[in-house]
Amino acid sequence: MTSSMSKVLKTVFTDIETLAQDCRFKDCQHQSEPDCAVRAAIDAGSLTPERLADFNKLAIEADYSQLSAREIEQAKVKRLMGSLKTRLTKQN
């Protein structure tokens, strides 16, 4: 992610950035990691799932903005496979 885009995300989503500081893992993706402060806030009702979805969407777009078309496709496949793996793990 470019530093200017990162600054914009941190400015617009200060609530998520502040909560994320209390996550157990510094690279928390706020999906299914243990002790995720962002997920805890959603469960408590102090943060909406839509707000996190908006944050994630913009973060992904920022990541893609610096990639070539081929790199974007590779990143999408990698993200899809990770999502599929997570779903399969949750089913078991």
N, C-alpha and C. Protein backbone atom coordinates (compact mmCIF):
# COMPACT_ATOMS: atom_id res chain seq x y z
N MET A 1 0.85 -1.17 0.00
CA MET A 1 0.00 0.00 0.00
C MET A 1 0.89 1.23 0.00
N THR A 2 0.53 2.20 -0.80
CA THR A 2 1.33 3.42 -0.84
C THR A 2 1.18 4.17 0.47
N SER A 3 2.20 4.92 0.82
CA SER A 3 2.16 5.64 2.09
C SER A 3 1.06 6.69 2.12
N SER A 4 0.79 7.34 0.99
CA SER A 4 -0.28 8.34 0.98
C SER A 4 -1.64 7.68 1.15
N MET A 5 -1.85 6.53 0.52
CA MET A 5 -3.11 5.81 0.68
C MET A 5 -3.24 5.28 2.10
N SER A 6 -2.14 4.82 2.66
CA SER A 6 -2.14 4.34 4.04
C SER A 6 -2.54 5.46 5.00
N LYS A 7 -2.03 6.65 4.76
CA LYS A 7 -2.37 7.80 5.60
C LYS A 7 -3.85 8.14 5.49
N VAL A 8 -4.39 8.05 4.28
CA VAL A 8 -5.81 8.33 4.08
C VAL A 8 -6.66 7.31 4.83
N LEU A 9 -6.32 6.03 4.70
CA LEU A 9 -7.07 5.00 5.41
C LEU A 9 -7.01 5.21 6.92
N LYS A 10 -5.84 5.54 7.43
CA LYS A 10 -5.70 5.77 8.88
C LYS A 10 -6.49 6.98 9.32
N THR A 11 -6.61 7.98 8.46
CA THR A 11 -7.36 9.18 8.80
C THR A 11 -8.87 8.93 8.75
N VAL A 12 -9.32 8.25 7.72
CA VAL A 12 -10.75 8.01 7.54
C VAL A 12 -11.26 6.92 8.49
N PHE A 13 -10.42 5.95 8.78
CA PHE A 13 -10.84 4.83 9.62
C PHE A 13 -10.06 4.82 10.94
N THR A 14 -10.02 5.97 11.62
CA THR A 14 -9.29 6.05 12.88
C THR A 14 -9.86 5.08 13.92
N ASP A 15 -11.17 4.85 13.86
CA ASP A 15 -11.77 3.93 14.82
C ASP A 15 -11.20 2.52 14.67
N ILE A 16 -11.09 2.05 13.44
CA ILE A 16 -10.55 0.71 13.20
C ILE A 16 -9.06 0.67 13.50
N GLU A 17 -8.34 1.70 13.12
CA GLU A 17 -6.90 1.75 13.40
C GLU A 17 -6.63 1.73 14.91
N THR A 18 -7.45 2.45 15.67
CA THR A 18 -7.29 2.48 17.12
C THR A 18 -7.60 1.11 17.72
N LEU A 19 -8.69 0.51 17.30
CA LEU A 19 -9.04 -0.83 17.79
C LEU A 19 -7.96 -1.85 17.43
N ALA A 20 -7.43 -1.77 16.23
CA ALA A 20 -6.44 -2.74 15.74
C ALA A 20 -5.17 -2.75 16.58
N GLN A 21 -4.89 -1.65 17.25
CA GLN A 21 -3.72 -1.60 18.12
C GLN A 21 -3.82 -2.58 19.29
N ASP A 22 -5.05 -2.98 19.62
CA ASP A 22 -5.26 -3.91 20.72
C ASP A 22 -5.42 -5.36 20.26
N CYS A 23 -5.28 -5.60 18.97
CA CYS A 23 -5.33 -6.97 18.46
C CYS A 23 -4.11 -7.74 18.95
N ARG A 24 -4.28 -9.02 19.13
CA ARG A 24 -3.19 -9.87 19.61
C ARG A 24 -2.01 -9.87 18.63
N PHE A 25 -2.34 -9.92 17.34
CA PHE A 25 -1.31 -9.99 16.31
C PHE A 25 -1.22 -8.67 15.57
N LYS A 26 -0.02 -8.19 15.34
CA LYS A 26 0.18 -6.91 14.65
C LYS A 26 -0.27 -6.96 13.19
N ASP A 27 -0.23 -8.16 12.58
CA ASP A 27 -0.66 -8.29 11.18
C ASP A 27 -2.08 -8.86 11.08
N CYS A 28 -2.88 -8.65 12.11
CA CYS A 28 -4.25 -9.17 12.17
C CYS A 28 -5.05 -8.69 10.96
N GLN A 29 -5.77 -9.60 10.34
CA GLN A 29 -6.61 -9.26 9.20
C GLN A 29 -8.07 -9.06 9.61
N HIS A 30 -8.34 -9.23 10.89
CA HIS A 30 -9.67 -9.01 11.48
C HIS A 30 -10.71 -9.95 10.85
N GLN A 31 -10.29 -11.17 10.64
CA GLN A 31 -11.19 -12.18 10.08
C GLN A 31 -11.55 -13.22 11.13
N SER A 32 -10.59 -14.08 11.45
CA SER A 32 -10.86 -15.15 12.42
C SER A 32 -9.71 -15.34 13.40
N GLU A 33 -8.80 -14.40 13.45
CA GLU A 33 -7.66 -14.50 14.35
C GLU A 33 -8.14 -14.40 15.80
N PRO A 34 -7.47 -15.11 16.71
CA PRO A 34 -7.84 -15.02 18.12
C PRO A 34 -7.49 -13.65 18.70
N ASP A 35 -8.29 -13.22 19.64
CA ASP A 35 -8.07 -11.94 20.34
C ASP A 35 -8.02 -10.74 19.41
N CYS A 36 -8.90 -10.71 18.44
CA CYS A 36 -8.99 -9.58 17.51
C CYS A 36 -9.90 -8.52 18.13
N ALA A 37 -9.36 -7.36 18.41
CA ALA A 37 -10.12 -6.28 19.03
C ALA A 37 -11.19 -5.72 18.09
N VAL A 38 -10.92 -5.74 16.80
CA VAL A 38 -11.88 -5.23 15.82
C VAL A 38 -13.10 -6.15 15.76
N ARG A 39 -12.88 -7.46 15.70
CA ARG A 39 -14.00 -8.42 15.70
C ARG A 39 -14.77 -8.34 17.01
N ALA A 40 -14.06 -8.13 18.12
CA ALA A 40 -14.72 -7.99 19.43
C ALA A 40 -15.63 -6.77 19.43
N ALA A 41 -15.20 -5.68 18.81
CA ALA A 41 -16.02 -4.47 18.73
C ALA A 41 -17.26 -4.72 17.88
N ILE A 42 -17.12 -5.49 16.82
CA ILE A 42 -18.28 -5.83 16.00
C ILE A 42 -19.25 -6.69 16.82
N ASP A 43 -18.72 -7.68 17.51
CA ASP A 43 -19.57 -8.55 18.35
C ASP A 43 -20.27 -7.76 19.44
N ALA A 44 -19.60 -6.73 19.97
CA ALA A 44 -20.19 -5.91 21.03
C ALA A 44 -21.17 -4.87 20.49
N GLY A 45 -21.16 -4.66 19.17
CA GLY A 45 -22.07 -3.70 18.55
C GLY A 45 -21.55 -2.28 18.49
N SER A 46 -20.30 -2.08 18.84
CA SER A 46 -19.74 -0.72 18.79
C SER A 46 -19.09 -0.40 17.44
N LEU A 47 -19.00 -1.39 16.57
CA LEU A 47 -18.50 -1.21 15.21
C LEU A 47 -19.36 -2.07 14.29
N THR A 48 -19.76 -1.51 13.16
CA THR A 48 -20.60 -2.28 12.25
C THR A 48 -19.74 -3.14 11.31
N PRO A 49 -20.24 -4.30 10.94
CA PRO A 49 -19.51 -5.13 9.97
C PRO A 49 -19.31 -4.41 8.64
N GLU A 50 -20.26 -3.56 8.29
CA GLU A 50 -20.16 -2.82 7.02
C GLU A 50 -18.97 -1.85 7.04
N ARG A 51 -18.72 -1.27 8.20
CA ARG A 51 -17.58 -0.34 8.31
C ARG A 51 -16.27 -1.09 8.08
N LEU A 52 -16.15 -2.26 8.68
CA LEU A 52 -14.95 -3.07 8.46
C LEU A 52 -14.85 -3.50 7.00
N ALA A 53 -15.98 -3.86 6.40
CA ALA A 53 -15.97 -4.26 4.99
C ALA A 53 -15.51 -3.10 4.10
N ASP A 54 -15.97 -1.89 4.40
CA ASP A 54 -15.53 -0.71 3.64
C ASP A 54 -14.02 -0.50 3.79
N PHE A 55 -13.53 -0.63 5.00
CA PHE A 55 -12.09 -0.50 5.26
C PHE A 55 -11.31 -1.54 4.46
N ASN A 56 -11.75 -2.80 4.53
CA ASN A 56 -11.05 -3.87 3.81
C ASN A 56 -11.07 -3.65 2.30
N LYS A 57 -12.19 -3.21 1.78
CA LYS A 57 -12.30 -2.97 0.34
C LYS A 57 -11.32 -1.89 -0.11
N LEU A 58 -11.26 -0.80 0.63
CA LEU A 58 -10.33 0.28 0.26
C LEU A 58 -8.88 -0.14 0.44
N ALA A 59 -8.60 -0.93 1.46
CA ALA A 59 -7.23 -1.41 1.67
C ALA A 59 -6.79 -2.30 0.51
N ILE A 60 -7.69 -3.16 0.05
CA ILE A 60 -7.38 -4.04 -1.09
C ILE A 60 -7.15 -3.19 -2.35
N GLU A 61 -8.01 -2.23 -2.59
CA GLU A 61 -7.84 -1.35 -3.75
C GLU A 61 -6.51 -0.61 -3.69
N ALA A 62 -6.14 -0.17 -2.52
CA ALA A 62 -4.86 0.53 -2.36
C ALA A 62 -3.69 -0.40 -2.67
N ASP A 63 -3.80 -1.65 -2.20
CA ASP A 63 -2.76 -2.63 -2.49
C ASP A 63 -2.64 -2.88 -3.98
N TYR A 64 -3.78 -3.00 -4.66
CA TYR A 64 -3.79 -3.29 -6.09
C TYR A 64 -3.29 -2.11 -6.93
N SER A 65 -3.40 -0.90 -6.42
CA SER A 65 -3.07 0.28 -7.21
C SER A 65 -1.61 0.32 -7.62
N GLN A 66 -0.75 -0.40 -6.94
CA GLN A 66 0.67 -0.38 -7.25
C GLN A 66 1.13 -1.60 -8.06
N LEU A 67 0.18 -2.46 -8.46
CA LEU A 67 0.53 -3.70 -9.14
C LEU A 67 0.23 -3.66 -10.62
N SER A 68 0.92 -4.50 -11.37
CA SER A 68 0.62 -4.68 -12.79
C SER A 68 -0.63 -5.56 -12.90
N ALA A 69 -1.18 -5.65 -14.09
CA ALA A 69 -2.38 -6.47 -14.31
C ALA A 69 -2.13 -7.92 -13.92
N ARG A 70 -0.99 -8.44 -14.27
CA ARG A 70 -0.66 -9.83 -13.93
C ARG A 70 -0.54 -10.01 -12.42
N GLU A 71 0.11 -9.08 -11.77
CA GLU A 71 0.26 -9.16 -10.31
C GLU A 71 -1.10 -9.04 -9.60
N ILE A 72 -2.00 -8.23 -10.15
CA ILE A 72 -3.35 -8.12 -9.58
C ILE A 72 -4.07 -9.46 -9.66
N GLU A 73 -4.00 -10.10 -10.82
CA GLU A 73 -4.66 -11.41 -10.97
C GLU A 73 -4.06 -12.44 -10.02
N GLN A 74 -2.75 -12.44 -9.86
CA GLN A 74 -2.11 -13.37 -8.93
C GLN A 74 -2.55 -13.09 -7.50
N ALA A 75 -2.66 -11.82 -7.14
CA ALA A 75 -3.09 -11.44 -5.80
C ALA A 75 -4.54 -11.86 -5.55
N LYS A 76 -5.38 -11.71 -6.57
CA LYS A 76 -6.78 -12.12 -6.43
C LYS A 76 -6.90 -13.62 -6.22
N VAL A 77 -6.14 -14.40 -6.97
CA VAL A 77 -6.16 -15.85 -6.82
C VAL A 77 -5.67 -16.24 -5.42
N LYS A 78 -4.62 -15.61 -4.98
CA LYS A 78 -4.07 -15.90 -3.65
C LYS A 78 -5.11 -15.56 -2.57
N ARG A 79 -5.77 -14.42 -2.70
CA ARG A 79 -6.78 -14.01 -1.74
C ARG A 79 -7.97 -14.98 -1.76
N LEU A 80 -8.38 -15.39 -2.95
CA LEU A 80 -9.49 -16.34 -3.09
C LEU A 80 -9.15 -17.68 -2.46
N MET A 81 -7.96 -18.16 -2.70
CA MET A 81 -7.55 -19.45 -2.13
C MET A 81 -7.47 -19.37 -0.61
N GLY A 82 -7.01 -18.26 -0.08
CA GLY A 82 -6.96 -18.09 1.37
C GLY A 82 -8.36 -18.05 1.96
N SER A 83 -9.28 -17.41 1.27
CA SER A 83 -10.67 -17.34 1.72
C SER A 83 -11.31 -18.72 1.69
N LEU A 84 -11.05 -19.48 0.66
CA LEU A 84 -11.57 -20.83 0.53
C LEU A 84 -11.02 -21.72 1.65
N LYS A 85 -9.74 -21.60 1.91
CA LYS A 85 -9.10 -22.40 2.98
C LYS A 85 -9.74 -22.08 4.33
N THR A 86 -10.00 -20.78 4.58
CA THR A 86 -10.63 -20.36 5.83
C THR A 86 -12.02 -20.96 5.97
N ARG A 87 -12.79 -20.94 4.89
CA ARG A 87 -14.15 -21.49 4.91
C ARG A 87 -14.13 -22.99 5.17
N LEU A 88 -13.21 -23.69 4.53
CA LEU A 88 -13.12 -25.13 4.73
C LEU A 88 -12.71 -25.46 6.17
N THR A 89 -11.83 -24.68 6.73
CA THR A 89 -11.38 -24.89 8.11
C THR A 89 -12.54 -24.67 9.07
N LYS A 90 -13.36 -23.65 8.85
CA LYS A 90 -14.50 -23.36 9.70
C LYS A 90 -15.56 -24.45 9.64
N GLN A 91 -15.70 -25.12 8.49
CA GLN A 91 -16.69 -26.18 8.33
C GLN A 91 -16.31 -27.43 9.11
N ASN A 92 -15.03 -27.62 9.33
CA ASN A 92 -14.57 -28.85 10.03
C ASN A 92 -14.54 -28.65 11.48
